[in-house]
Protein backbone atom coordinates (compact mmCIF):
# COMPACT_ATOMS: atom_id res chain seq x y z
CA MET A 1 0.04 0.26 -0.01
CA VAL A 2 2.85 2.76 0.89
CA GLU A 3 4.56 1.43 -2.88
CA THR A 4 0.97 2.55 -4.26
CA SER A 5 0.65 5.69 -2.36
CA ALA A 6 4.39 7.09 -2.98
CA ARG A 7 3.47 5.78 -7.15
CA LEU A 8 0.39 7.76 -6.95
CA LEU A 9 2.61 10.68 -5.69
CA ARG A 10 5.00 10.60 -8.36
CA LEU A 11 2.40 9.97 -11.05
CA LEU A 12 0.54 13.38 -10.02
CA SER A 13 3.68 15.05 -10.27
CA LEU A 14 4.52 13.95 -13.53
CA LEU A 15 1.05 14.71 -14.61
CA GLN A 16 1.44 18.44 -13.32
CA VAL A 17 4.67 19.23 -15.08
CA GLN A 18 4.02 18.11 -18.20
CA ARG A 19 0.49 19.35 -20.19
CA GLU A 20 0.10 15.70 -21.87
CA TRP A 21 1.73 12.30 -20.95
CA THR A 22 1.03 9.37 -23.52
CA ALA A 23 0.59 6.10 -21.39
CA ALA A 24 3.80 4.39 -22.57
CA ALA A 25 5.80 7.10 -21.15
CA LEU A 26 4.20 7.71 -17.96
CA ALA A 27 4.81 3.54 -17.80
CA ASP A 28 8.48 4.21 -18.51
CA ARG A 29 9.05 6.93 -15.70
CA LEU A 30 7.40 4.87 -13.21
CA ASP A 31 8.82 1.50 -13.92
CA VAL A 32 5.55 0.08 -14.61
CA SER A 33 3.09 -1.80 -16.70
CA THR A 34 0.61 1.02 -18.79
CA ARG A 35 -1.87 -1.28 -17.08
CA THR A 36 -0.75 -0.37 -13.95
CA VAL A 37 -0.13 3.68 -15.29
CA ARG A 38 -4.28 3.04 -16.22
CA ARG A 39 -4.96 1.63 -13.03
CA ASP A 40 -3.60 4.78 -10.77
CA VAL A 41 -5.15 6.75 -13.39
CA VAL A 42 -8.49 5.64 -12.17
CA ARG A 43 -7.84 6.06 -8.18
CA LEU A 44 -6.56 9.50 -9.28
CA ARG A 45 -9.76 10.26 -10.58
CA SER A 46 -11.75 8.74 -7.59
CA LEU A 47 -9.97 11.40 -5.20
CA GLY A 48 -10.80 14.13 -7.36
CA TYR A 49 -8.46 14.65 -9.68
CA PRO A 50 -9.57 15.72 -13.07
CA VAL A 51 -7.13 13.33 -15.24
CA GLY A 52 -8.42 13.17 -18.73
CA ALA A 53 -7.67 11.14 -21.98
CA THR A 54 -5.95 12.97 -24.50
CA GLN A 55 -8.20 11.71 -27.94
CA GLY A 56 -5.70 9.62 -30.55
CA SER A 57 -2.80 9.49 -28.10
CA ALA A 58 -3.54 6.93 -25.66
CA GLY A 59 -2.48 10.01 -23.03
CA TYR A 60 -3.41 11.44 -19.96
CA ARG A 61 -3.66 15.00 -19.21
CA LEU A 62 -4.38 16.60 -16.06
CA GLY A 63 -7.32 19.48 -16.46
CA ALA A 64 -8.90 21.90 -14.45
CA GLY A 65 -11.77 20.58 -12.11
CA ALA A 66 -14.48 22.40 -9.77
CA ALA A 67 -12.29 22.61 -6.86
CA LEU A 68 -8.47 23.11 -6.17
CA PRO A 69 -6.63 19.63 -5.81
CA PRO A 70 -3.56 19.41 -3.62
CA LEU A 71 -0.62 20.47 -5.49
CA LEU A 72 3.06 18.84 -5.52
CA LEU A 73 5.85 21.47 -5.66
CA ASP A 74 9.25 20.63 -5.71
CA ASP A 75 11.85 22.37 -3.33
CA ASP A 76 12.54 25.79 -5.70
CA GLU A 77 8.88 25.45 -6.59
CA ALA A 78 7.88 26.03 -3.00
CA VAL A 79 10.21 28.61 -2.22
CA ALA A 80 9.81 30.60 -5.00
CA VAL A 81 6.19 30.84 -3.98
CA VAL A 82 6.25 31.73 -0.28
CA VAL A 83 8.99 34.35 -1.47
CA GLY A 84 6.28 35.32 -4.26
CA LEU A 85 2.97 35.58 -1.15
CA ARG A 86 5.47 37.56 1.04
CA THR A 87 6.16 40.15 -1.72
CA ALA A 88 2.38 40.22 -2.14
CA THR A 89 1.25 41.01 1.25
CA ALA A 90 2.29 44.36 0.78
CA GLY A 91 1.16 44.72 -3.17
CA SER A 92 -0.96 47.15 -4.37
CA VAL A 93 -4.02 45.45 -5.06
CA ALA A 94 -6.52 45.63 -2.61
CA GLY A 95 -7.51 42.90 -0.56
CA VAL A 96 -4.36 40.92 -1.62
CA GLU A 97 -2.63 41.43 0.99
CA GLU A 98 -4.94 39.19 3.80
CA THR A 99 -5.48 36.59 1.12
CA SER A 100 -1.79 36.44 0.84
CA LEU A 101 -1.43 35.85 4.34
CA ARG A 102 -3.48 33.08 4.79
CA ALA A 103 -2.29 31.08 1.85
CA LEU A 104 1.33 31.96 3.07
CA SER A 105 0.45 30.75 6.68
CA LYS A 106 -0.67 27.66 5.25
CA LEU A 107 2.28 27.00 3.06
CA GLU A 108 4.71 27.94 5.76
CA GLN A 109 2.95 25.31 8.20
CA VAL A 110 3.66 22.13 6.09
CA LEU A 111 7.19 23.77 4.69
CA PRO A 112 10.32 20.91 5.56
CA SER A 113 12.63 22.67 7.75
CA ARG A 114 15.42 22.73 4.95
CA LEU A 115 12.86 24.69 2.82
CA ARG A 116 11.69 26.88 5.93
CA TYR A 117 15.52 27.72 6.48
CA ARG A 118 16.40 28.68 2.86
CA VAL A 119 13.13 30.97 3.19
CA ASN A 120 14.21 32.60 6.14
CA THR A 121 17.75 33.33 5.24
CA LEU A 122 16.32 35.08 1.91
CA HIS A 123 13.94 36.91 3.87
CA THR A 124 16.03 38.33 6.39
CA ALA A 125 19.00 39.16 3.91
CA THR A 126 16.37 40.93 1.67
CA VAL A 127 15.64 44.65 2.62
CA ARG A 128 12.67 46.12 0.58
CA THR A 129 12.33 49.35 -1.37
CA GLY A 130 9.71 51.30 -2.45
CA THR A 131 7.03 50.20 -0.69
CA ALA A 132 5.63 53.83 -0.15
CA PRO A 133 2.18 53.94 0.21
CA GLY A 134 0.07 54.10 -3.40
CA PRO A 135 -2.90 53.76 -4.74
CA VAL A 136 -4.90 50.45 -4.31
CA VAL A 137 -6.96 48.55 -7.14
CA ASP A 138 -10.19 46.74 -6.52
CA PRO A 139 -9.40 42.85 -7.43
CA ASP A 140 -12.76 42.77 -9.02
CA VAL A 141 -11.75 45.48 -11.39
CA LEU A 142 -8.28 44.32 -12.38
CA MET A 143 -10.05 40.58 -13.24
CA ALA A 144 -12.47 42.24 -15.40
CA VAL A 145 -10.06 44.27 -17.39
CA ALA A 146 -7.75 41.42 -17.35
CA GLU A 147 -10.60 38.75 -18.57
CA ALA A 148 -11.40 41.21 -21.16
CA CYS A 149 -7.66 41.55 -22.32
CA ARG A 150 -7.55 37.64 -22.82
CA ARG A 151 -11.08 37.51 -24.41
CA ARG A 152 -10.23 40.31 -27.00
CA GLU A 153 -13.33 42.05 -25.74
CA GLY A 154 -14.22 45.82 -26.64
CA LEU A 155 -14.19 47.61 -23.00
CA ARG A 156 -16.31 50.27 -21.61
CA PHE A 157 -15.62 52.25 -18.41
CA ASP A 158 -15.94 55.46 -16.63
CA TYR A 159 -12.27 56.95 -16.27
CA ALA A 160 -10.79 59.57 -13.46
CA SER A 161 -8.93 62.17 -15.43
CA PRO A 162 -5.99 63.23 -13.23
CA HIS A 163 -6.79 66.58 -14.25
CA GLY A 164 -10.42 66.57 -12.88
CA GLY A 165 -13.68 65.21 -13.86
CA GLU A 166 -14.87 61.70 -15.14
CA GLY A 167 -16.21 60.32 -18.39
CA PRO A 168 -16.87 57.48 -20.25
CA ARG A 169 -14.44 55.85 -22.44
CA ALA A 170 -14.46 52.85 -24.91
CA ALA A 171 -10.92 50.95 -25.97
CA GLU A 172 -9.98 47.23 -26.95
CA PRO A 173 -7.57 46.53 -24.11
CA HIS A 174 -4.10 45.32 -25.26
CA SER A 175 -2.27 44.30 -21.98
CA LEU A 176 -2.05 45.10 -18.15
CA VAL A 177 1.32 46.52 -16.95
CA SER A 178 2.08 46.64 -13.37
CA PHE A 179 4.84 49.53 -13.03
CA GLY A 180 6.01 50.46 -9.79
CA ARG A 181 3.13 50.94 -7.44
CA HIS A 182 0.53 51.73 -10.14
CA TRP A 183 -1.40 49.18 -12.77
CA TYR A 184 -1.45 50.47 -16.08
CA LEU A 185 -3.67 49.23 -19.15
CA VAL A 186 -2.25 49.53 -22.46
CA ALA A 187 -5.31 49.82 -25.17
CA PHE A 188 -6.13 51.22 -28.31
CA ASP A 189 -9.18 54.29 -27.70
CA THR A 190 -11.41 53.75 -30.43
CA ASP A 191 -13.14 57.41 -29.63
CA ARG A 192 -9.86 58.97 -29.96
CA ASP A 193 -8.11 56.32 -32.56
CA ALA A 194 -4.75 56.30 -30.85
CA TRP A 195 -2.93 53.99 -28.31
CA ARG A 196 -3.18 55.03 -24.70
CA THR A 197 -2.59 54.09 -20.89
CA PHE A 198 -4.73 53.96 -18.06
CA ARG A 199 -4.17 54.06 -14.62
CA VAL A 200 -6.46 51.00 -13.04
CA ASP A 201 -7.06 52.28 -10.33
CA ARG A 202 -8.69 55.47 -12.05
CA LEU A 203 -11.45 53.51 -14.59
CA ARG A 204 -14.70 51.99 -13.13
CA PRO A 205 -15.74 49.27 -16.02
CA ARG A 206 -19.27 49.03 -17.56
CA VAL A 207 -21.14 46.34 -18.32
CA PRO A 208 -21.71 44.57 -20.80
CA ASN A 209 -18.35 44.17 -22.45
CA GLY A 210 -18.03 45.20 -26.08
CA PRO A 211 -18.10 43.03 -29.38
CA ARG A 212 -15.06 40.75 -30.05
CA PHE A 213 -11.78 42.44 -31.94
CA THR A 214 -9.00 41.66 -34.07
CA PRO A 215 -5.51 42.42 -31.76
CA ARG A 216 -3.74 44.95 -32.94
CA GLU A 217 0.35 45.65 -33.02
CA LEU A 218 1.76 47.90 -30.50
CA PRO A 219 3.54 51.12 -32.30
CA GLY A 220 7.13 50.42 -33.43
CA GLY A 221 6.23 46.46 -32.06
CA GLU A 222 7.00 46.96 -28.82
CA ASP A 223 6.23 45.07 -25.96
CA PRO A 224 3.83 46.52 -23.63
CA ALA A 225 6.44 46.98 -20.57
CA SER A 226 8.32 49.40 -23.18
CA TYR A 227 5.39 50.86 -24.07
CA VAL A 228 4.11 52.47 -21.18
CA ALA A 229 7.59 53.39 -19.64
CA HIS A 230 7.98 55.67 -22.62
CA GLN A 231 4.63 56.97 -22.24
CA LEU A 232 5.48 58.24 -18.79
CA SER A 233 9.02 59.07 -19.81
CA ALA A 234 7.45 61.46 -22.42
CA ARG A 235 4.73 62.85 -20.79
CA ALA A 236 4.73 66.60 -20.18
CA TRP A 237 7.18 67.37 -17.90
CA PRO A 238 7.50 70.69 -16.73
CA TYR A 239 11.20 70.48 -17.53
CA GLN A 240 12.70 68.75 -20.27
CA ALA A 241 16.05 67.90 -22.28
CA THR A 242 17.50 66.32 -25.01
CA VAL A 243 21.25 64.60 -24.81
CA THR A 244 23.62 62.95 -27.13
CA LEU A 245 25.11 60.15 -25.51
CA HIS A 246 28.71 59.05 -26.75
CA GLU A 247 27.64 55.59 -26.57
CA PRO A 248 26.33 53.44 -28.54
CA ALA A 249 22.57 52.55 -27.33
CA GLU A 250 23.11 48.82 -26.56
CA THR A 251 26.05 49.53 -24.42
CA VAL A 252 24.27 52.40 -21.85
CA SER A 253 20.22 50.72 -22.94
CA ASP A 254 20.81 48.79 -19.29
CA ARG A 255 21.43 51.69 -17.65
CA ILE A 256 18.41 53.47 -18.19
CA TRP A 257 15.66 52.56 -15.73
CA PRO A 258 12.14 52.05 -16.76
CA GLY A 259 10.31 55.36 -17.04
CA MET A 260 13.49 56.95 -16.65
CA GLY A 261 13.58 58.33 -20.40
CA VAL A 262 13.18 57.55 -24.33
CA LEU A 263 16.68 55.93 -25.65
CA GLU A 264 16.95 56.53 -29.61
CA ALA A 265 20.47 55.21 -31.65
CA VAL A 266 22.03 57.48 -33.98
CA ASP A 267 24.97 55.62 -35.05
CA HIS A 268 27.02 53.08 -33.71
CA THR A 269 29.01 55.57 -31.17
CA SER A 270 26.36 57.42 -29.95
CA CYS A 271 22.46 57.77 -29.12
CA LEU A 272 19.99 60.28 -28.06
CA LEU A 273 18.17 60.37 -24.36
CA ARG A 274 14.92 62.18 -23.69
CA VAL A 275 14.08 63.31 -20.50
CA GLY A 276 11.69 64.99 -18.29
CA SER A 277 11.41 65.86 -14.37
CA ASP A 278 9.96 68.30 -12.02
CA SER A 279 13.06 69.88 -11.64
CA PRO A 280 16.32 71.19 -13.62
CA ARG A 281 18.55 69.20 -10.76
CA ASP A 282 16.60 66.43 -11.34
CA LEU A 283 16.99 66.67 -14.73
CA ALA A 284 21.36 67.13 -14.32
CA TRP A 285 21.25 64.10 -11.97
CA MET A 286 19.25 61.76 -14.17
CA ILE A 287 21.23 62.73 -17.15
CA THR A 288 24.71 62.33 -15.33
CA SER A 289 23.67 59.21 -13.48
CA VAL A 290 23.85 57.17 -16.92
CA ASP A 291 27.88 57.46 -16.17
CA ALA A 292 28.34 58.29 -20.12
CA ASP A 293 30.40 61.20 -21.78
CA PHE A 294 27.52 63.96 -23.37
CA THR A 295 26.57 66.78 -24.98
CA LEU A 296 23.51 68.34 -23.98
CA VAL A 297 21.54 69.42 -27.27
CA ASP A 298 18.15 70.90 -25.70
CA GLY A 299 17.53 72.02 -22.43
CA PRO A 300 16.33 75.31 -20.24
CA ASP A 301 18.84 77.78 -18.71
CA GLU A 302 18.20 76.33 -15.57
CA LEU A 303 19.28 72.92 -16.65
CA VAL A 304 22.79 74.17 -18.02
CA ALA A 305 23.09 76.25 -14.35
CA SER A 306 22.60 73.21 -12.79
CA LEU A 307 25.13 71.06 -14.81
CA ARG A 308 27.91 74.04 -14.19
CA ALA A 309 27.43 74.10 -10.30
CA ILE A 310 27.84 69.79 -10.22
CA GLY A 311 31.10 70.55 -12.45
CA ARG A 312 32.50 72.86 -10.75
CA ARG A 313 31.20 70.83 -6.95
CA CYS A 314 33.03 67.68 -8.43
CA LEU A 315 35.88 69.93 -9.16
CA ARG A 316 36.42 71.43 -5.87
CA SER A 317 36.28 67.89 -3.99
CA LEU A 318 39.47 67.63 -5.31
CA ASP A 319 41.48 70.53 -4.20
CA HIS A 320 42.67 68.55 -1.49
CA VAL A 321 43.90 65.20 -3.80
CA ASP A 322 48.12 65.68 -4.06
CA GLN A 323 48.03 63.89 -6.93
CA PRO A 324 46.24 65.21 -9.85
CA GLY A 325 43.84 62.90 -12.15
CA PRO A 326 44.18 63.27 -15.83
CA ALA A 327 42.71 66.45 -17.31
């Protein structure tokens, strides 16, 4: 009986890892006959696991049932789930924190000591940043938008403008993007005939959804995350600047964090960086943080003054150094 139970657990683990198995492949992995595999599948079904038979290939597939059956996780998967749940307890989706804590307590209760040690080691050695309070998203709204994206159905919603006022909008939803403490919907605004990004915490879906549509390509073939980053960096900042970086775009791209600015390749030795910010001082810091030689192409006079002040401050910091550096 113990051997049979162990084999059932092994069979269940295999079915959870791969989408579809032939009976012969399962028999080979379990070192049993295909007849034994068929009997074990019947036992799993009696325990509530929805194991379906695939047509034409004499195989099996674990499907979705009416209730969530127990899951078998290997060590790395269990650690990843626990870390993810601990992170979600400080998330930006309303109600997820409490749900994550409940799931986390259940999982940690049965976690082997060796894995609990790994998780605690990672947790105590990690310092989280960027956890300042921010707007939370109603999980029902988030799921409604996600479902419209998945089904490719038109979305109608009321949207609260950041400048005040609220009005109806209609769009073809493309993707949801989690960016910092905010959730954004990337969609094609059918009323304005243009691509837009919408803060999910500012929209209220209307029912029912609109008709199905054929998905469009994002401008420039960008992925949704890059598109949102470019849209945020190109917003109407009070101070904006363009600089030429004297390095190729592929060399400095990993130094440009999402939302910082838009990078445009020029040739194999240089690229353009367009940035915006609330103050000239922040602009100067953003440009110099890239750690590349640059030439100011366009920017306000206050930025010029900030860059000169930084240069003089850096030179003064070397006045006490006996051995001068290169000119």
